[in-house]
Amino acid sequence: MLLMKLKTEEKFAFLQLAQYVAQLDGEYGPKEREIVEEYCTEMGIENIDIDVKSFLLEDILTIFKSAQSQRITLLALMVLVHVDDKFGIYEHKVIDKIAHQFNISEQEIHLFSMWGKMGSALYEQALVFTEV
């Protein structure tokens, strides 16, 4: 819903960022893949796997110029990190780094994280409700 507000360049940067974050714990699991696929559908772009080894976080983060696109990005990432119920140390470190780069406070990070937990839980419930 919010990701479609990103500019085209930001959408492709977000896809790379989401895949990078999803693989931080060493596993790019089915739930994470499903969320990334949903994000691509929402943004109207094709899901293309990135090469994580050549990914440069700092370069990608400079693409998100407005405070709104930065906050949208961080909110969506919070759903992604919580969807597998494993918000590990590597994910924490990268989320903190992103938040610092985007000038988002620790209190806001905490609120974004709670929102991400709720968002991922609601997404899982919706999948159950729509099974036929």
C-alpha atoms as a PDB file:
ATOM      1  CA  MET A   1       0.000   0.000   0.000  1.00  0.00           C
ATOM      2  CA  LEU A   2       2.748   2.477   0.866  1.00  0.00           C
ATOM      3  CA  LEU A   3       5.442   1.099  -1.439  1.00  0.00           C
ATOM      4  CA  MET A   4       3.604   2.316  -4.526  1.00  0.00           C
ATOM      5  CA  LYS A   5       4.363   5.867  -3.330  1.00  0.00           C
ATOM      6  CA  LEU A   6       8.071   5.296  -3.981  1.00  0.00           C
ATOM      7  CA  LYS A   7       9.637   6.686  -7.148  1.00  0.00           C
ATOM      8  CA  THR A   8      10.661   4.146  -9.799  1.00  0.00           C
ATOM      9  CA  GLU A   9      14.352   4.275  -8.870  1.00  0.00           C
ATOM     10  CA  GLU A  10      13.435   3.860  -5.201  1.00  0.00           C
ATOM     11  CA  LYS A  11      11.276   0.814  -5.958  1.00  0.00           C
ATOM     12  CA  PHE A  12      14.196  -1.036  -7.563  1.00  0.00           C
ATOM     13  CA  ALA A  13      16.488   0.073  -4.734  1.00  0.00           C
ATOM     14  CA  PHE A  14      13.921  -1.168  -2.214  1.00  0.00           C
ATOM     15  CA  LEU A  15      13.755  -4.563  -3.939  1.00  0.00           C
ATOM     16  CA  GLN A  16      17.533  -4.911  -3.626  1.00  0.00           C
ATOM     17  CA  LEU A  17      17.434  -3.756  -0.010  1.00  0.00           C
ATOM     18  CA  ALA A  18      14.600  -6.152   0.859  1.00  0.00           C
ATOM     19  CA  GLN A  19      16.401  -9.130  -0.665  1.00  0.00           C
ATOM     20  CA  TYR A  20      19.593  -8.161   1.134  1.00  0.00           C
ATOM     21  CA  VAL A  21      17.832  -7.865   4.503  1.00  0.00           C
ATOM     22  CA  ALA A  22      15.913 -11.114   3.935  1.00  0.00           C
ATOM     23  CA  GLN A  23      19.195 -12.990   3.450  1.00  0.00           C
ATOM     24  CA  LEU A  24      21.066 -11.526   6.439  1.00  0.00           C
ATOM     25  CA  ASP A  25      20.310 -14.487   8.686  1.00  0.00           C
ATOM     26  CA  GLY A  26      21.730 -16.866   6.082  1.00  0.00           C
ATOM     27  CA  GLU A  27      18.334 -18.110   4.986  1.00  0.00           C
ATOM     28  CA  TYR A  28      16.034 -16.597   2.377  1.00  0.00           C
ATOM     29  CA  GLY A  29      13.015 -18.626   3.428  1.00  0.00           C
ATOM     30  CA  PRO A  30       9.606 -19.123   1.821  1.00  0.00           C
ATOM     31  CA  LYS A  31       7.849 -16.538   4.013  1.00  0.00           C
ATOM     32  CA  GLU A  32      10.446 -13.906   3.202  1.00  0.00           C
ATOM     33  CA  ARG A  33      10.302 -14.752  -0.498  1.00  0.00           C
ATOM     34  CA  GLU A  34       6.529 -14.478  -0.422  1.00  0.00           C
ATOM     35  CA  ILE A  35       6.656 -11.034   1.204  1.00  0.00           C
ATOM     36  CA  VAL A  36       9.242  -9.806  -1.318  1.00  0.00           C
ATOM     37  CA  GLU A  37       7.047 -11.124  -4.121  1.00  0.00           C
ATOM     38  CA  GLU A  38       4.042  -9.286  -2.628  1.00  0.00           C
ATOM     39  CA  TYR A  39       6.123  -6.111  -2.443  1.00  0.00           C
ATOM     40  CA  CYS A  40       7.021  -6.450  -6.131  1.00  0.00           C
ATOM     41  CA  THR A  41       3.367  -6.902  -7.055  1.00  0.00           C
ATOM     42  CA  GLU A  42       2.456  -3.837  -5.025  1.00  0.00           C
ATOM     43  CA  MET A  43       5.186  -1.757  -6.666  1.00  0.00           C
ATOM     44  CA  GLY A  44       4.391  -3.086 -10.148  1.00  0.00           C
ATOM     45  CA  ILE A  45       7.918  -4.380 -10.767  1.00  0.00           C
ATOM     46  CA  GLU A  46       9.389  -7.767 -11.573  1.00  0.00           C
ATOM     47  CA  ASN A  47      11.192  -9.663  -8.825  1.00  0.00           C
ATOM     48  CA  ILE A  48      14.790 -10.180  -9.925  1.00  0.00           C
ATOM     49  CA  ASP A  49      17.268 -11.863  -7.565  1.00  0.00           C
ATOM     50  CA  ILE A  50      20.237  -9.714  -6.648  1.00  0.00           C
ATOM     51  CA  ASP A  51      23.852 -10.684  -6.047  1.00  0.00           C
ATOM     52  CA  VAL A  52      24.182 -10.115  -2.309  1.00  0.00           C
ATOM     53  CA  LYS A  53      27.988 -10.310  -2.463  1.00  0.00           C
ATOM     54  CA  SER A  54      28.176  -7.152  -4.600  1.00  0.00           C
ATOM     55  CA  PHE A  55      25.445  -5.291  -2.686  1.00  0.00           C
ATOM     56  CA  LEU A  56      26.537  -1.970  -1.151  1.00  0.00           C
ATOM     57  CA  LEU A  57      24.135  -0.855   1.559  1.00  0.00           C
ATOM     58  CA  GLU A  58      25.462   2.696   1.789  1.00  0.00           C
ATOM     59  CA  ASP A  59      25.032   3.272  -1.963  1.00  0.00           C
ATOM     60  CA  ILE A  60      21.450   1.967  -1.973  1.00  0.00           C
ATOM     61  CA  LEU A  61      20.422   4.087   1.007  1.00  0.00           C
ATOM     62  CA  THR A  62      21.418   7.313  -0.783  1.00  0.00           C
ATOM     63  CA  ILE A  63      18.677   6.671  -3.355  1.00  0.00           C
ATOM     64  CA  PHE A  64      15.942   7.304  -0.764  1.00  0.00           C
ATOM     65  CA  LYS A  65      16.024  11.101  -0.606  1.00  0.00           C
ATOM     66  CA  SER A  66      12.750  12.145   1.038  1.00  0.00           C
ATOM     67  CA  ALA A  67      11.842  11.478   4.658  1.00  0.00           C
ATOM     68  CA  GLN A  68       8.598   9.895   3.435  1.00  0.00           C
ATOM     69  CA  SER A  69      10.330   7.355   1.180  1.00  0.00           C
ATOM     70  CA  GLN A  70      12.841   6.569   3.945  1.00  0.00           C
ATOM     71  CA  ARG A  71      10.064   5.889   6.444  1.00  0.00           C
ATOM     72  CA  ILE A  72       8.075   3.813   3.952  1.00  0.00           C
ATOM     73  CA  THR A  73      11.210   1.765   3.288  1.00  0.00           C
ATOM     74  CA  LEU A  74      11.906   1.134   6.960  1.00  0.00           C
ATOM     75  CA  LEU A  75       8.274   0.244   7.728  1.00  0.00           C
ATOM     76  CA  ALA A  76       8.157  -2.307   4.918  1.00  0.00           C
ATOM     77  CA  LEU A  77      11.481  -3.790   6.011  1.00  0.00           C
ATOM     78  CA  MET A  78      10.090  -4.244   9.520  1.00  0.00           C
ATOM     79  CA  VAL A  79       7.314  -6.482   8.192  1.00  0.00           C
ATOM     80  CA  LEU A  80       9.922  -8.473   6.296  1.00  0.00           C
ATOM     81  CA  VAL A  81      12.236  -9.009   9.289  1.00  0.00           C
ATOM     82  CA  HIS A  82       9.351 -10.121  11.494  1.00  0.00           C
ATOM     83  CA  VAL A  83       7.581 -12.456   9.056  1.00  0.00           C
ATOM     84  CA  ASP A  84       9.743 -15.458   9.984  1.00  0.00           C
ATOM     85  CA  ASP A  85       9.603 -14.686  13.740  1.00  0.00           C
ATOM     86  CA  LYS A  86      13.416 -14.369  13.773  1.00  0.00           C
ATOM     87  CA  PHE A  87      14.584 -10.778  14.193  1.00  0.00           C
ATOM     88  CA  GLY A  88      18.243 -11.709  14.622  1.00  0.00           C
ATOM     89  CA  ILE A  89      21.358  -9.758  15.499  1.00  0.00           C
ATOM     90  CA  TYR A  90      22.420  -9.174  11.876  1.00  0.00           C
ATOM     91  CA  GLU A  91      18.976  -7.846  10.992  1.00  0.00           C
ATOM     92  CA  HIS A  92      19.031  -5.615  14.090  1.00  0.00           C
ATOM     93  CA  LYS A  93      22.415  -4.180  13.146  1.00  0.00           C
ATOM     94  CA  VAL A  94      21.373  -3.386   9.576  1.00  0.00           C
ATOM     95  CA  ILE A  95      18.018  -1.928  10.614  1.00  0.00           C
ATOM     96  CA  ASP A  96      19.839   0.274  13.144  1.00  0.00           C
ATOM     97  CA  LYS A  97      22.306   1.361  10.461  1.00  0.00           C
ATOM     98  CA  ILE A  98      19.478   2.207   8.052  1.00  0.00           C
ATOM     99  CA  ALA A  99      17.578   4.093  10.742  1.00  0.00           C
ATOM    100  CA  HIS A 100      20.700   6.062  11.655  1.00  0.00           C
ATOM    101  CA  GLN A 101      21.306   6.949   7.986  1.00  0.00           C
ATOM    102  CA  PHE A 102      17.663   8.044   7.685  1.00  0.00           C
ATOM    103  CA  ASN A 103      17.754  10.019  10.979  1.00  0.00           C
ATOM    104  CA  ILE A 104      15.045   7.894  12.572  1.00  0.00           C
ATOM    105  CA  SER A 105      15.200   7.777  16.380  1.00  0.00           C
ATOM    106  CA  GLU A 106      15.431   4.656  18.520  1.00  0.00           C
ATOM    107  CA  GLN A 107      11.937   5.314  19.845  1.00  0.00           C
ATOM    108  CA  GLU A 108      10.603   5.462  16.287  1.00  0.00           C
ATOM    109  CA  ILE A 109      12.506   2.279  15.384  1.00  0.00           C
ATOM    110  CA  HIS A 110      10.778   0.558  18.299  1.00  0.00           C
ATOM    111  CA  LEU A 111       7.358   1.781  17.079  1.00  0.00           C
ATOM    112  CA  PHE A 112       8.168   0.733  13.506  1.00  0.00           C
ATOM    113  CA  SER A 113       9.223  -2.694  14.785  1.00  0.00           C
ATOM    114  CA  MET A 114       5.957  -3.167  16.707  1.00  0.00           C
ATOM    115  CA  TRP A 115       4.056  -2.120  13.583  1.00  0.00           C
ATOM    116  CA  GLY A 116       6.085  -4.650  11.561  1.00  0.00           C
ATOM    117  CA  LYS A 117       5.212  -7.449  13.988  1.00  0.00           C
ATOM    118  CA  MET A 118       1.533  -6.609  13.737  1.00  0.00           C
ATOM    119  CA  GLY A 119       1.716  -6.250   9.957  1.00  0.00           C
ATOM    120  CA  SER A 120       3.349  -9.630   9.508  1.00  0.00           C
ATOM    121  CA  ALA A 121       0.825 -11.273  11.855  1.00  0.00           C
ATOM    122  CA  LEU A 122      -2.082  -9.728   9.966  1.00  0.00           C
ATOM    123  CA  TYR A 123      -0.577 -10.868   6.667  1.00  0.00           C
ATOM    124  CA  GLU A 124      -0.325 -14.439   7.974  1.00  0.00           C
ATOM    125  CA  GLN A 125      -3.958 -14.306   9.159  1.00  0.00           C
ATOM    126  CA  ALA A 126      -5.094 -13.022   5.770  1.00  0.00           C
ATOM    127  CA  LEU A 127      -3.406 -15.991   4.106  1.00  0.00           C
ATOM    128  CA  VAL A 128      -5.310 -18.359   6.402  1.00  0.00           C
ATOM    129  CA  PHE A 129      -8.605 -16.561   5.762  1.00  0.00           C
ATOM    130  CA  THR A 130      -8.161 -16.727   1.982  1.00  0.00           C
ATOM    131  CA  GLU A 131      -7.175 -20.406   1.741  1.00  0.00           C
ATOM    132  CA  VAL A 132      -9.748 -22.349  -0.188  1.00  0.00           C
END
